[in-house]
Amino acid sequence: MMPYYWTPTTQQQQMPQVPPQVIPGARQPGREQSFIENIFRLNRGKPGTFHFSFEHAVEPGKNTKIVRGVVEAAGRDHVILRELKSNHRFLFPMIYFDFAEYDEEMAYFNQNP
């Protein structure tokens, strides 16, 4: 019977080394995935217009927010925007993000395989 804890006297079996397989469409090491937060990071500091909508607004007709600004930071579930005219900062959960419009060409990932 094998103990449930490791002791120096326990022999560990060596698993054979198998070279990694390349799976078509799978994420390759060092290659960024094109999630929205990664695209925001690529375009950090570029001016744009960001649209958000909220399902449960407190006041009727107040279920959208448009921010004219730049992305300061982006995470998996949020984005931090700085409004251009007032330097006011917003933290928005990504679930409310609708779309973005940039004033200049957007940076995007290399599309070559």
Protein backbone atom coordinates (compact mmCIF):
# COMPACT_ATOMS: atom_id res chain seq x y z
CA MET A 1 0.00 0.00 0.00
CA MET A 2 1.26 3.46 -0.96
CA PRO A 3 1.27 6.20 1.70
CA TYR A 4 -0.79 9.34 1.01
CA TYR A 5 2.12 11.61 1.83
CA TRP A 6 5.59 11.90 0.41
CA THR A 7 8.51 10.42 2.28
CA PRO A 8 12.14 10.29 1.18
CA THR A 9 11.95 6.49 0.96
CA THR A 10 9.07 6.53 -1.55
CA GLN A 11 10.26 5.81 -5.09
CA GLN A 12 8.81 8.13 -7.70
CA GLN A 13 8.32 6.84 -11.21
CA GLN A 14 9.69 8.89 -14.10
CA MET A 15 7.11 9.75 -16.74
CA PRO A 16 8.41 9.58 -20.33
CA GLN A 17 8.95 12.99 -21.92
CA VAL A 18 6.54 13.50 -24.81
CA PRO A 19 7.15 16.43 -27.17
CA PRO A 20 4.28 18.96 -27.17
CA GLN A 21 1.82 18.62 -30.02
CA VAL A 22 0.70 21.62 -32.05
CA ILE A 23 -3.08 21.68 -32.15
CA PRO A 24 -4.59 23.78 -34.96
CA GLY A 25 -6.39 26.81 -33.54
CA ALA A 26 -4.87 26.37 -30.07
CA ARG A 27 -3.02 29.19 -28.35
CA GLN A 28 0.66 29.08 -29.20
CA PRO A 29 3.22 29.99 -26.51
CA GLY A 30 4.15 33.67 -26.74
CA ARG A 31 1.19 34.48 -28.96
CA GLU A 32 -1.41 36.81 -27.47
CA GLN A 33 -5.09 35.92 -27.72
CA SER A 34 -7.47 38.48 -29.18
CA PHE A 35 -9.66 39.08 -26.16
CA ILE A 36 -11.06 42.58 -25.72
CA GLU A 37 -8.86 43.35 -22.71
CA ASN A 38 -5.75 42.47 -24.73
CA ILE A 39 -6.86 44.72 -27.59
CA PHE A 40 -7.46 47.52 -25.07
CA ARG A 41 -3.90 47.05 -23.76
CA LEU A 42 -2.46 47.22 -27.29
CA ASN A 43 -4.26 50.53 -27.83
CA ARG A 44 -3.57 52.05 -24.40
CA GLY A 45 -3.35 55.85 -24.57
CA LYS A 46 -5.06 56.20 -27.97
CA PRO A 47 -8.10 58.50 -27.95
CA GLY A 48 -11.46 56.91 -28.58
CA THR A 49 -15.13 56.78 -27.72
CA PHE A 50 -16.26 53.92 -25.48
CA HIS A 51 -19.88 52.82 -25.23
CA PHE A 52 -21.41 51.03 -22.25
CA SER A 53 -24.98 50.01 -21.46
CA PHE A 54 -26.59 48.94 -18.21
CA GLU A 55 -29.63 46.72 -17.99
CA HIS A 56 -30.86 47.94 -14.61
CA ALA A 57 -30.72 51.73 -14.65
CA VAL A 58 -31.90 53.67 -11.58
CA GLU A 59 -33.51 56.38 -13.70
CA PRO A 60 -35.38 55.75 -16.96
CA GLY A 61 -33.30 56.62 -20.01
CA LYS A 62 -30.02 56.48 -18.04
CA ASN A 63 -28.97 53.01 -19.13
CA THR A 64 -26.06 54.06 -21.38
CA LYS A 65 -22.75 55.80 -20.79
CA ILE A 66 -20.43 57.13 -23.47
CA VAL A 67 -16.90 58.07 -22.46
CA ARG A 68 -14.59 60.06 -24.70
CA GLY A 69 -11.13 59.17 -23.44
CA VAL A 70 -8.20 56.76 -23.37
CA VAL A 71 -7.64 53.33 -21.85
CA GLU A 72 -5.30 53.52 -18.87
CA ALA A 73 -5.48 49.83 -17.94
CA ALA A 74 -7.50 46.73 -18.73
CA GLY A 75 -7.97 43.45 -16.95
CA ARG A 76 -9.90 40.31 -17.69
CA ASP A 77 -13.15 41.72 -16.29
CA HIS A 78 -12.68 45.50 -16.21
CA VAL A 79 -11.28 48.55 -17.99
CA ILE A 80 -10.03 51.83 -16.54
CA LEU A 81 -10.74 54.84 -18.76
CA ARG A 82 -9.58 58.44 -18.38
CA GLU A 83 -11.91 61.05 -19.83
CA LEU A 84 -9.97 63.47 -22.04
CA LYS A 85 -11.61 66.79 -21.18
CA SER A 86 -11.86 66.38 -17.40
CA ASN A 87 -9.20 63.74 -16.55
CA HIS A 88 -11.99 61.97 -14.66
CA ARG A 89 -11.32 58.22 -14.33
CA PHE A 90 -13.86 55.42 -14.70
CA LEU A 91 -13.66 51.76 -13.75
CA PHE A 92 -16.14 49.76 -15.84
CA PRO A 93 -16.83 46.05 -15.56
CA MET A 94 -16.44 44.48 -19.04
CA ILE A 95 -19.94 43.02 -18.88
CA TYR A 96 -21.27 46.53 -19.61
CA PHE A 97 -18.94 47.20 -22.58
CA ASP A 98 -20.68 47.47 -25.96
CA PHE A 99 -18.11 48.79 -28.43
CA ALA A 100 -15.28 51.29 -28.97
CA GLU A 101 -14.47 53.76 -31.73
CA TYR A 102 -10.88 54.95 -32.13
CA ASP A 103 -9.81 58.18 -33.84
CA GLU A 104 -6.74 56.59 -35.39
CA GLU A 105 -5.69 53.18 -36.65
CA MET A 106 -5.97 50.50 -34.01
CA ALA A 107 -3.14 48.18 -33.08
CA TYR A 108 -4.03 44.51 -33.41
CA PHE A 109 -2.26 41.17 -33.26
CA ASN A 110 -0.22 39.78 -36.12
CA GLN A 111 -2.62 37.66 -38.15
CA ASN A 112 0.09 35.46 -39.68
CA PRO A 113 0.05 31.89 -38.35
